[in-house]
Amino acid sequence: MAGIVIQQNRPRIEELLAPYAAQIGDDLPGYRNHVYRTVTYAMHFLGNSAELEQLVETAFVYRDIALWTDRALAYLEPSEEIALADNAKYGWGLDPDALKGAIHWHHKITAYRGPHEEVIEACRKADWIDANKGMLHMGMSKANIEAVEAAFPNHGFHDALIRLAKDNNVGSTVGGLIKVVMGIIKW
């Protein structure tokens, strides 16, 4: 694959994150950069399709949002509900099935096959790259991953996930991580 296009400022991401900034709190810089990294990877897989950009940006802003809004460890379904409600409320006109699918299947271990496959699979691969800090490349070059990570530093995002697993499970990190895995991993 060719070099990756890195956009340092995506107004839609900033606009969508703004209403949730207070709830995300100190985790916002890490979550924001996680969103930017994964959007960058997914858009690369999609050939930087302008047609899919709004959907991808929206799905990645909302896909983990319920970790903070609902303090939910099984956060996929609550995140989907928030995204679908905002899509309807603000009249974005995004395909609800594609939006829900991009959120619902982003932790799927095996390749996604089905409706909206191109965008859902790009989002799934993008999240896996970032979730394991680039150890699994999912077809992305190491140089591209390094460029994206340099542009959008982690800011403790992965540490925040471990903390949230503990905090949202009443003090047990191990129990919280088990609940997270049971609630979000899809086959």
N, C-alpha and C. Protein backbone atom coordinates (compact mmCIF):
# COMPACT_ATOMS: atom_id res chain seq x y z
N MET A 1 0.84 -1.19 0.00
CA MET A 1 0.00 0.00 0.00
C MET A 1 0.88 1.25 0.00
N ALA A 2 0.38 2.28 -0.62
CA ALA A 2 1.10 3.55 -0.70
C ALA A 2 1.12 4.24 0.66
N GLY A 3 1.85 5.37 0.69
CA GLY A 3 1.92 6.15 1.93
C GLY A 3 0.54 6.57 2.39
N ILE A 4 0.43 6.81 3.67
CA ILE A 4 -0.87 7.10 4.28
C ILE A 4 -1.09 8.61 4.34
N VAL A 5 -2.34 9.02 4.15
CA VAL A 5 -2.73 10.43 4.25
C VAL A 5 -3.10 10.70 5.71
N ILE A 6 -2.41 11.66 6.30
CA ILE A 6 -2.66 12.00 7.70
C ILE A 6 -3.26 13.40 7.76
N GLN A 7 -4.48 13.49 8.26
CA GLN A 7 -5.16 14.77 8.45
C GLN A 7 -5.13 15.11 9.93
N GLN A 8 -4.40 16.15 10.28
CA GLN A 8 -4.24 16.53 11.69
C GLN A 8 -5.51 17.13 12.29
N ASN A 9 -6.38 17.65 11.44
CA ASN A 9 -7.62 18.24 11.95
C ASN A 9 -8.79 17.76 11.11
N ARG A 10 -9.72 17.12 11.77
CA ARG A 10 -10.94 16.66 11.12
C ARG A 10 -12.11 17.33 11.86
N PRO A 11 -12.66 18.39 11.27
CA PRO A 11 -13.71 19.16 11.96
C PRO A 11 -14.89 18.31 12.45
N ARG A 12 -15.28 17.31 11.69
CA ARG A 12 -16.42 16.48 12.12
C ARG A 12 -16.09 15.75 13.41
N ILE A 13 -14.90 15.20 13.53
CA ILE A 13 -14.52 14.52 14.77
C ILE A 13 -14.58 15.49 15.94
N GLU A 14 -14.03 16.68 15.76
CA GLU A 14 -14.02 17.67 16.85
C GLU A 14 -15.45 18.05 17.24
N GLU A 15 -16.31 18.23 16.24
CA GLU A 15 -17.71 18.59 16.48
C GLU A 15 -18.45 17.48 17.22
N LEU A 16 -18.21 16.24 16.83
CA LEU A 16 -18.91 15.11 17.46
C LEU A 16 -18.41 14.82 18.87
N LEU A 17 -17.12 15.05 19.11
CA LEU A 17 -16.58 14.81 20.45
C LEU A 17 -16.99 15.89 21.45
N ALA A 18 -17.19 17.12 20.98
CA ALA A 18 -17.43 18.26 21.86
C ALA A 18 -18.54 18.05 22.89
N PRO A 19 -19.71 17.53 22.52
CA PRO A 19 -20.77 17.36 23.52
C PRO A 19 -20.43 16.32 24.60
N TYR A 20 -19.46 15.48 24.35
CA TYR A 20 -19.11 14.41 25.28
C TYR A 20 -17.80 14.69 26.04
N ALA A 21 -17.19 15.85 25.76
CA ALA A 21 -15.88 16.17 26.33
C ALA A 21 -15.89 16.14 27.86
N ALA A 22 -16.91 16.70 28.47
CA ALA A 22 -16.95 16.73 29.93
C ALA A 22 -17.06 15.32 30.51
N GLN A 23 -17.84 14.45 29.88
CA GLN A 23 -17.98 13.09 30.38
C GLN A 23 -16.69 12.28 30.19
N ILE A 24 -16.02 12.50 29.09
CA ILE A 24 -14.76 11.79 28.83
C ILE A 24 -13.65 12.35 29.72
N GLY A 25 -13.72 13.62 30.03
CA GLY A 25 -12.81 14.25 30.98
C GLY A 25 -11.35 14.17 30.59
N ASP A 26 -10.52 13.80 31.55
CA ASP A 26 -9.07 13.74 31.33
C ASP A 26 -8.67 12.70 30.29
N ASP A 27 -9.55 11.79 29.96
CA ASP A 27 -9.25 10.76 28.95
C ASP A 27 -9.43 11.28 27.52
N LEU A 28 -9.93 12.51 27.37
CA LEU A 28 -10.24 13.04 26.04
C LEU A 28 -9.03 13.08 25.10
N PRO A 29 -7.86 13.57 25.51
CA PRO A 29 -6.74 13.58 24.55
C PRO A 29 -6.39 12.18 24.03
N GLY A 30 -6.41 11.19 24.90
CA GLY A 30 -6.11 9.82 24.48
C GLY A 30 -7.19 9.26 23.57
N TYR A 31 -8.46 9.49 23.95
CA TYR A 31 -9.55 8.97 23.12
C TYR A 31 -9.59 9.69 21.78
N ARG A 32 -9.41 11.00 21.80
CA ARG A 32 -9.40 11.77 20.56
C ARG A 32 -8.35 11.22 19.60
N ASN A 33 -7.14 10.99 20.09
CA ASN A 33 -6.09 10.50 19.21
C ASN A 33 -6.34 9.05 18.77
N HIS A 34 -6.98 8.26 19.62
CA HIS A 34 -7.39 6.91 19.22
C HIS A 34 -8.36 7.01 18.04
N VAL A 35 -9.30 7.93 18.12
CA VAL A 35 -10.26 8.14 17.03
C VAL A 35 -9.51 8.56 15.76
N TYR A 36 -8.61 9.52 15.88
CA TYR A 36 -7.86 9.99 14.71
C TYR A 36 -7.01 8.88 14.09
N ARG A 37 -6.35 8.10 14.94
CA ARG A 37 -5.52 7.01 14.40
C ARG A 37 -6.37 6.02 13.63
N THR A 38 -7.47 5.59 14.23
CA THR A 38 -8.28 4.56 13.60
C THR A 38 -9.01 5.08 12.35
N VAL A 39 -9.45 6.32 12.39
CA VAL A 39 -10.06 6.91 11.19
C VAL A 39 -9.03 6.95 10.07
N THR A 40 -7.81 7.34 10.40
CA THR A 40 -6.74 7.41 9.39
C THR A 40 -6.48 6.05 8.77
N TYR A 41 -6.40 5.01 9.59
CA TYR A 41 -6.19 3.65 9.07
C TYR A 41 -7.37 3.21 8.20
N ALA A 42 -8.58 3.40 8.71
CA ALA A 42 -9.77 2.95 7.97
C ALA A 42 -9.89 3.68 6.64
N MET A 43 -9.67 4.98 6.65
CA MET A 43 -9.78 5.74 5.40
C MET A 43 -8.72 5.28 4.41
N HIS A 44 -7.55 4.90 4.89
CA HIS A 44 -6.51 4.37 4.00
C HIS A 44 -6.99 3.07 3.35
N PHE A 45 -7.57 2.18 4.16
CA PHE A 45 -8.10 0.93 3.61
C PHE A 45 -9.20 1.18 2.60
N LEU A 46 -9.91 2.30 2.75
CA LEU A 46 -11.04 2.63 1.87
C LEU A 46 -10.63 3.55 0.72
N GLY A 47 -9.33 3.71 0.51
CA GLY A 47 -8.85 4.56 -0.57
C GLY A 47 -9.22 6.02 -0.37
N ASN A 48 -9.36 6.44 0.89
CA ASN A 48 -9.74 7.81 1.25
C ASN A 48 -11.03 8.25 0.57
N SER A 49 -11.99 7.35 0.51
CA SER A 49 -13.29 7.60 -0.11
C SER A 49 -14.03 8.74 0.60
N ALA A 50 -14.23 9.84 -0.11
CA ALA A 50 -14.99 10.97 0.45
C ALA A 50 -16.41 10.55 0.79
N GLU A 51 -16.95 9.62 0.04
CA GLU A 51 -18.32 9.14 0.25
C GLU A 51 -18.49 8.45 1.61
N LEU A 52 -17.43 7.82 2.10
CA LEU A 52 -17.52 7.06 3.36
C LEU A 52 -16.94 7.80 4.56
N GLU A 53 -16.35 8.95 4.33
CA GLU A 53 -15.63 9.66 5.40
C GLU A 53 -16.51 10.02 6.59
N GLN A 54 -17.69 10.59 6.36
CA GLN A 54 -18.57 10.96 7.48
C GLN A 54 -18.97 9.75 8.30
N LEU A 55 -19.29 8.67 7.62
CA LEU A 55 -19.68 7.44 8.31
C LEU A 55 -18.54 6.92 9.18
N VAL A 56 -17.34 6.87 8.62
CA VAL A 56 -16.18 6.36 9.36
C VAL A 56 -15.87 7.26 10.55
N GLU A 57 -15.84 8.55 10.34
CA GLU A 57 -15.55 9.47 11.45
C GLU A 57 -16.59 9.34 12.55
N THR A 58 -17.84 9.26 12.18
CA THR A 58 -18.92 9.15 13.17
C THR A 58 -18.84 7.82 13.92
N ALA A 59 -18.65 6.74 13.20
CA ALA A 59 -18.56 5.43 13.86
C ALA A 59 -17.42 5.40 14.86
N PHE A 60 -16.28 5.97 14.50
CA PHE A 60 -15.14 5.91 15.42
C PHE A 60 -15.27 6.85 16.60
N VAL A 61 -15.96 7.96 16.45
CA VAL A 61 -16.21 8.81 17.62
C VAL A 61 -17.11 8.08 18.61
N TYR A 62 -18.12 7.40 18.09
CA TYR A 62 -19.14 6.80 18.96
C TYR A 62 -18.82 5.37 19.42
N ARG A 63 -17.95 4.68 18.77
CA ARG A 63 -17.83 3.23 19.03
C ARG A 63 -17.49 2.86 20.46
N ASP A 64 -16.75 3.70 21.20
CA ASP A 64 -16.40 3.39 22.59
C ASP A 64 -17.04 4.36 23.58
N ILE A 65 -17.89 5.25 23.12
CA ILE A 65 -18.38 6.37 23.92
C ILE A 65 -19.08 5.95 25.20
N ALA A 66 -19.75 4.80 25.18
CA ALA A 66 -20.50 4.35 26.37
C ALA A 66 -19.58 3.94 27.53
N LEU A 67 -18.28 3.77 27.25
CA LEU A 67 -17.35 3.57 28.37
C LEU A 67 -17.44 4.74 29.35
N TRP A 68 -17.68 5.92 28.81
CA TRP A 68 -17.76 7.12 29.65
C TRP A 68 -19.20 7.54 29.91
N THR A 69 -20.06 7.53 28.90
CA THR A 69 -21.42 8.02 29.09
C THR A 69 -22.25 7.10 29.97
N ASP A 70 -22.08 5.80 29.79
CA ASP A 70 -22.87 4.82 30.53
C ASP A 70 -22.04 4.05 31.56
N ARG A 71 -20.73 4.31 31.55
CA ARG A 71 -19.80 3.56 32.41
C ARG A 71 -20.02 2.06 32.23
N ALA A 72 -20.21 1.68 30.96
CA ALA A 72 -20.55 0.30 30.61
C ALA A 72 -19.32 -0.44 30.11
N LEU A 73 -19.08 -1.62 30.65
CA LEU A 73 -17.98 -2.45 30.17
C LEU A 73 -18.37 -3.21 28.91
N ALA A 74 -19.62 -3.57 28.79
CA ALA A 74 -20.15 -4.14 27.55
C ALA A 74 -20.74 -2.94 26.80
N TYR A 75 -19.87 -2.18 26.17
CA TYR A 75 -20.22 -0.85 25.70
C TYR A 75 -20.67 -0.77 24.24
N LEU A 76 -20.60 -1.86 23.49
CA LEU A 76 -20.94 -1.78 22.07
C LEU A 76 -22.39 -1.38 21.84
N GLU A 77 -23.32 -2.09 22.43
CA GLU A 77 -24.74 -1.80 22.19
C GLU A 77 -25.12 -0.42 22.70
N PRO A 78 -24.71 -0.01 23.93
CA PRO A 78 -25.04 1.35 24.34
C PRO A 78 -24.40 2.41 23.43
N SER A 79 -23.20 2.16 22.94
CA SER A 79 -22.56 3.11 22.02
C SER A 79 -23.34 3.18 20.71
N GLU A 80 -23.79 2.03 20.22
CA GLU A 80 -24.61 2.00 19.00
C GLU A 80 -25.87 2.84 19.19
N GLU A 81 -26.53 2.67 20.33
CA GLU A 81 -27.78 3.38 20.60
C GLU A 81 -27.56 4.89 20.60
N ILE A 82 -26.48 5.34 21.21
CA ILE A 82 -26.19 6.77 21.25
C ILE A 82 -25.92 7.29 19.84
N ALA A 83 -25.14 6.56 19.07
CA ALA A 83 -24.82 6.98 17.70
C ALA A 83 -26.08 7.04 16.84
N LEU A 84 -26.92 6.02 16.93
CA LEU A 84 -28.14 5.99 16.13
C LEU A 84 -29.10 7.10 16.55
N ALA A 85 -29.20 7.35 17.85
CA ALA A 85 -30.07 8.43 18.34
C ALA A 85 -29.58 9.79 17.85
N ASP A 86 -28.28 10.03 17.93
CA ASP A 86 -27.74 11.32 17.45
C ASP A 86 -27.87 11.44 15.94
N ASN A 87 -27.69 10.35 15.21
CA ASN A 87 -27.86 10.36 13.76
C ASN A 87 -29.29 10.81 13.40
N ALA A 88 -30.27 10.28 14.12
CA ALA A 88 -31.66 10.67 13.87
C ALA A 88 -31.95 12.09 14.37
N LYS A 89 -31.48 12.40 15.57
CA LYS A 89 -31.74 13.70 16.19
C LYS A 89 -31.18 14.85 15.36
N TYR A 90 -29.96 14.69 14.86
CA TYR A 90 -29.30 15.78 14.14
C TYR A 90 -29.45 15.68 12.62
N GLY A 91 -30.15 14.65 12.15
CA GLY A 91 -30.42 14.52 10.73
C GLY A 91 -29.19 14.37 9.86
N TRP A 92 -28.22 13.58 10.32
CA TRP A 92 -26.98 13.40 9.55
C TRP A 92 -27.21 12.60 8.28
N GLY A 93 -28.22 11.76 8.26
CA GLY A 93 -28.52 10.99 7.07
C GLY A 93 -27.59 9.82 6.81
N LEU A 94 -26.86 9.40 7.84
CA LEU A 94 -25.98 8.24 7.68
C LEU A 94 -26.82 6.97 7.69
N ASP A 95 -26.43 6.00 6.89
CA ASP A 95 -27.14 4.73 6.85
C ASP A 95 -27.07 4.09 8.24
N PRO A 96 -28.21 3.94 8.92
CA PRO A 96 -28.19 3.42 10.29
C PRO A 96 -27.60 2.01 10.39
N ASP A 97 -27.83 1.18 9.39
CA ASP A 97 -27.29 -0.19 9.44
C ASP A 97 -25.78 -0.19 9.30
N ALA A 98 -25.25 0.67 8.44
CA ALA A 98 -23.80 0.76 8.26
C ALA A 98 -23.15 1.35 9.52
N LEU A 99 -23.77 2.39 10.09
CA LEU A 99 -23.24 3.00 11.30
C LEU A 99 -23.24 2.01 12.46
N LYS A 100 -24.36 1.34 12.65
CA LYS A 100 -24.45 0.35 13.73
C LYS A 100 -23.45 -0.79 13.50
N GLY A 101 -23.34 -1.26 12.26
CA GLY A 101 -22.43 -2.35 11.96
C GLY A 101 -20.97 -1.98 12.19
N ALA A 102 -20.59 -0.77 11.82
CA ALA A 102 -19.20 -0.33 12.01
C ALA A 102 -18.84 -0.28 13.49
N ILE A 103 -19.81 0.03 14.33
CA ILE A 103 -19.58 0.03 15.77
C ILE A 103 -19.64 -1.39 16.31
N HIS A 104 -20.69 -2.10 15.97
CA HIS A 104 -20.94 -3.43 16.53
C HIS A 104 -19.82 -4.43 16.23
N TRP A 105 -19.26 -4.38 15.03
CA TRP A 105 -18.30 -5.40 14.61
C TRP A 105 -16.85 -4.96 14.72
N HIS A 106 -16.57 -3.82 15.34
CA HIS A 106 -15.18 -3.34 15.31
C HIS A 106 -14.22 -4.17 16.16
N HIS A 107 -14.73 -5.05 17.01
CA HIS A 107 -13.86 -5.96 17.78
C HIS A 107 -13.95 -7.40 17.28
N LYS A 108 -14.53 -7.59 16.12
CA LYS A 108 -14.66 -8.95 15.59
C LYS A 108 -13.28 -9.52 15.30
N ILE A 109 -13.05 -10.74 15.74
CA ILE A 109 -11.73 -11.36 15.59
C ILE A 109 -11.48 -11.79 14.15
N THR A 110 -12.48 -12.39 13.53
CA THR A 110 -12.33 -12.84 12.15
C THR A 110 -12.91 -11.78 11.20
N ALA A 111 -12.58 -11.89 9.94
CA ALA A 111 -13.05 -10.93 8.95
C ALA A 111 -14.57 -10.86 8.94
N TYR A 112 -15.09 -9.66 8.78
CA TYR A 112 -16.53 -9.46 8.69
C TYR A 112 -16.98 -9.71 7.25
N ARG A 113 -18.05 -10.45 7.10
CA ARG A 113 -18.67 -10.69 5.80
C ARG A 113 -20.15 -10.40 5.94
N GLY A 114 -20.66 -9.57 5.07
CA GLY A 114 -22.08 -9.25 5.12
C GLY A 114 -22.35 -7.85 4.59
N PRO A 115 -23.55 -7.31 4.89
CA PRO A 115 -23.90 -5.98 4.41
C PRO A 115 -22.89 -4.93 4.87
N HIS A 116 -22.58 -4.00 4.00
CA HIS A 116 -21.65 -2.89 4.29
C HIS A 116 -20.25 -3.41 4.61
N GLU A 117 -19.91 -4.53 4.00
CA GLU A 117 -18.66 -5.23 4.29
C GLU A 117 -17.42 -4.35 4.13
N GLU A 118 -17.35 -3.56 3.07
CA GLU A 118 -16.14 -2.78 2.82
C GLU A 118 -15.84 -1.83 3.98
N VAL A 119 -16.82 -1.06 4.40
CA VAL A 119 -16.58 -0.08 5.45
C VAL A 119 -16.44 -0.74 6.82
N ILE A 120 -17.25 -1.75 7.10
CA ILE A 120 -17.17 -2.43 8.40
C ILE A 120 -15.84 -3.14 8.55
N GLU A 121 -15.39 -3.79 7.50
CA GLU A 121 -14.11 -4.50 7.56
C GLU A 121 -12.94 -3.51 7.70
N ALA A 122 -13.01 -2.38 7.01
CA ALA A 122 -11.96 -1.36 7.15
C ALA A 122 -11.91 -0.84 8.59
N CYS A 123 -13.07 -0.62 9.19
CA CYS A 123 -13.12 -0.14 10.57
C CYS A 123 -12.61 -1.21 11.54
N ARG A 124 -12.98 -2.45 11.29
CA ARG A 124 -12.52 -3.56 12.15
C ARG A 124 -11.01 -3.67 12.12
N LYS A 125 -10.43 -3.67 10.92
CA LYS A 125 -8.98 -3.79 10.80
C LYS A 125 -8.27 -2.59 11.43
N ALA A 126 -8.81 -1.41 11.23
CA ALA A 126 -8.21 -0.20 11.79
C ALA A 126 -8.17 -0.26 13.31
N ASP A 127 -9.28 -0.70 13.92
CA ASP A 127 -9.30 -0.76 15.38
C ASP A 127 -8.35 -1.82 15.92
N TRP A 128 -8.24 -2.95 15.24
CA TRP A 128 -7.31 -3.98 15.69
C TRP A 128 -5.87 -3.49 15.63
N ILE A 129 -5.53 -2.73 14.60
CA ILE A 129 -4.16 -2.18 14.52
C ILE A 129 -3.89 -1.33 15.75
N ASP A 130 -4.83 -0.45 16.08
CA ASP A 130 -4.60 0.46 17.19
C ASP A 130 -4.71 -0.23 18.54
N ALA A 131 -5.63 -1.18 18.66
CA ALA A 131 -5.82 -1.87 19.94
C ALA A 131 -4.56 -2.60 20.39
N ASN A 132 -3.79 -3.12 19.43
CA ASN A 132 -2.58 -3.84 19.81
C ASN A 132 -1.32 -3.03 19.51
N LYS A 133 -1.50 -1.72 19.36
CA LYS A 133 -0.39 -0.78 19.15
C LYS A 133 0.48 -1.16 17.95
N GLY A 134 -0.16 -1.66 16.91
CA GLY A 134 0.54 -1.94 15.66
C GLY A 134 1.25 -3.27 15.59
N MET A 135 1.12 -4.10 16.62
CA MET A 135 1.78 -5.42 16.55
C MET A 135 1.16 -6.28 15.46
N LEU A 136 -0.17 -6.20 15.30
CA LEU A 136 -0.84 -6.84 14.18
C LEU A 136 -1.09 -5.75 13.14
N HIS A 137 -0.54 -5.93 11.96
CA HIS A 137 -0.59 -4.87 10.95
C HIS A 137 -1.86 -4.88 10.12
N MET A 138 -2.54 -6.00 10.02
CA MET A 138 -3.78 -6.13 9.27
C MET A 138 -3.63 -5.63 7.82
N GLY A 139 -2.44 -5.80 7.25
CA GLY A 139 -2.19 -5.37 5.88
C GLY A 139 -1.66 -3.95 5.76
N MET A 140 -1.51 -3.26 6.86
CA MET A 140 -0.98 -1.90 6.87
C MET A 140 0.53 -1.96 7.03
N SER A 141 1.25 -1.13 6.30
CA SER A 141 2.71 -1.15 6.41
C SER A 141 3.16 -0.61 7.77
N LYS A 142 4.28 -1.11 8.21
CA LYS A 142 4.85 -0.66 9.49
C LYS A 142 5.16 0.84 9.42
N ALA A 143 5.63 1.30 8.28
CA ALA A 143 5.96 2.73 8.11
C ALA A 143 4.70 3.59 8.28
N ASN A 144 3.58 3.13 7.72
CA ASN A 144 2.33 3.88 7.87
C ASN A 144 1.89 3.92 9.33
N ILE A 145 1.99 2.80 10.02
CA ILE A 145 1.60 2.75 11.43
C ILE A 145 2.48 3.68 12.25
N GLU A 146 3.77 3.65 12.00
CA GLU A 146 4.69 4.54 12.73
C GLU A 146 4.37 6.00 12.46
N ALA A 147 4.03 6.34 11.24
CA ALA A 147 3.70 7.73 10.90
C ALA A 147 2.43 8.18 11.61
N VAL A 148 1.44 7.31 11.65
CA VAL A 148 0.17 7.65 12.31
C VAL A 148 0.38 7.77 13.82
N GLU A 149 1.11 6.85 14.41
CA GLU A 149 1.37 6.91 15.85
C GLU A 149 2.17 8.16 16.22
N ALA A 150 3.09 8.58 15.35
CA ALA A 150 3.85 9.80 15.62
C ALA A 150 2.96 11.04 15.52
N ALA A 151 2.02 11.03 14.59
CA ALA A 151 1.12 12.17 14.41
C ALA A 151 0.10 12.29 15.53
N PHE A 152 -0.32 11.15 16.07
CA PHE A 152 -1.36 11.12 17.09
C PHE A 152 -0.90 10.27 18.27
N PRO A 153 -0.12 10.85 19.17
CA PRO A 153 0.41 10.09 20.31
C PRO A 153 -0.69 9.46 21.16
N ASN A 154 -0.35 8.41 21.85
CA ASN A 154 -1.29 7.62 22.63
C ASN A 154 -1.93 8.39 23.78
N HIS A 155 -1.19 9.24 24.44
CA HIS A 155 -1.69 10.02 25.59
C HIS A 155 -2.36 9.15 26.64
N GLY A 156 -1.85 7.94 26.85
CA GLY A 156 -2.37 7.07 27.90
C GLY A 156 -3.68 6.39 27.60
N PHE A 157 -4.08 6.33 26.33
CA PHE A 157 -5.38 5.75 26.00
C PHE A 157 -5.51 4.31 26.47
N HIS A 158 -4.53 3.47 26.19
CA HIS A 158 -4.63 2.06 26.56
C HIS A 158 -4.62 1.90 28.09
N ASP A 159 -3.87 2.74 28.79
CA ASP A 159 -3.89 2.71 30.26
C ASP A 159 -5.28 3.12 30.79
N ALA A 160 -5.90 4.08 30.11
CA ALA A 160 -7.24 4.52 30.52
C ALA A 160 -8.24 3.37 30.39
N LEU A 161 -8.10 2.56 29.35
CA LEU A 161 -9.00 1.42 29.19
C LEU A 161 -8.89 0.45 30.35
N ILE A 162 -7.67 0.20 30.79
CA ILE A 162 -7.46 -0.70 31.93
C ILE A 162 -8.04 -0.08 33.19
N ARG A 163 -7.82 1.22 33.39
CA ARG A 163 -8.38 1.91 34.55
C ARG A 163 -9.91 1.87 34.53
N LEU A 164 -10.50 2.11 33.36
CA LEU A 164 -11.97 2.09 33.26
C LEU A 164 -12.52 0.69 33.55
N ALA A 165 -11.80 -0.33 33.11
CA ALA A 165 -12.23 -1.70 33.39
C ALA A 165 -12.28 -1.93 34.90
N LYS A 166 -11.30 -1.40 35.60
CA LYS A 166 -11.27 -1.55 37.06
C LYS A 166 -12.34 -0.68 37.71
N ASP A 167 -12.38 0.60 37.35
CA ASP A 167 -13.32 1.53 37.98
C ASP A 167 -14.78 1.14 37.74
N ASN A 168 -15.08 0.70 36.53
CA ASN A 168 -16.46 0.36 36.18
C ASN A 168 -16.84 -1.04 36.64
N ASN A 169 -15.90 -1.75 37.26
CA ASN A 169 -16.19 -3.08 37.80
C ASN A 169 -15.97 -3.09 39.31
N VAL A 170 -16.15 -1.97 39.93
CA VAL A 170 -16.04 -1.83 41.38
C VAL A 170 -14.73 -2.37 41.92
N GLY A 171 -13.63 -1.93 41.33
CA GLY A 171 -12.33 -2.18 41.90
C GLY A 171 -11.55 -3.38 41.42
N SER A 172 -12.10 -4.23 40.59
CA SER A 172 -11.38 -5.41 40.14
C SER A 172 -10.95 -5.25 38.68
N THR A 173 -9.65 -5.07 38.47
CA THR A 173 -9.15 -4.94 37.11
C THR A 173 -9.36 -6.23 36.33
N VAL A 174 -9.03 -7.37 36.94
CA VAL A 174 -9.17 -8.66 36.25
C VAL A 174 -10.63 -8.92 35.92
N GLY A 175 -11.50 -8.73 36.88
CA GLY A 175 -12.93 -8.93 36.64
C GLY A 175 -13.45 -7.99 35.57
N GLY A 176 -12.99 -6.74 35.61
CA GLY A 176 -13.40 -5.76 34.61
C GLY A 176 -12.93 -6.13 33.22
N LEU A 177 -11.68 -6.57 33.11
CA LEU A 177 -11.16 -6.95 31.80
C LEU A 177 -11.89 -8.17 31.24
N ILE A 178 -12.24 -9.11 32.11
CA ILE A 178 -13.02 -10.27 31.67
C ILE A 178 -14.38 -9.82 31.16
N LYS A 179 -15.03 -8.90 31.89
CA LYS A 179 -16.34 -8.39 31.45
C LYS A 179 -16.22 -7.66 30.11
N VAL A 180 -15.15 -6.89 29.96
CA VAL A 180 -14.94 -6.18 28.70
C VAL A 180 -14.82 -7.18 27.55
N VAL A 181 -13.95 -8.17 27.72
CA VAL A 181 -13.73 -9.15 26.66
C VAL A 181 -15.02 -9.90 26.35
N MET A 182 -15.73 -10.32 27.37
CA MET A 182 -16.98 -11.06 27.17
C MET A 182 -18.05 -10.19 26.49
N GLY A 183 -18.00 -8.88 26.76
CA GLY A 183 -19.03 -8.00 26.25
C GLY A 183 -18.77 -7.40 24.89
N ILE A 184 -17.51 -7.43 24.42
CA ILE A 184 -17.23 -6.72 23.17
C ILE A 184 -16.61 -7.57 22.06
N ILE A 185 -15.99 -8.67 22.40
CA ILE A 185 -15.35 -9.48 21.37
C ILE A 185 -16.41 -10.26 20.59
N LYS A 186 -16.31 -10.20 19.29
CA LYS A 186 -17.25 -10.89 18.41
C LYS A 186 -16.47 -11.89 17.54
N TRP A 187 -17.08 -12.99 17.22
CA TRP A 187 -16.44 -14.00 16.37
C TRP A 187 -16.99 -13.88 14.99
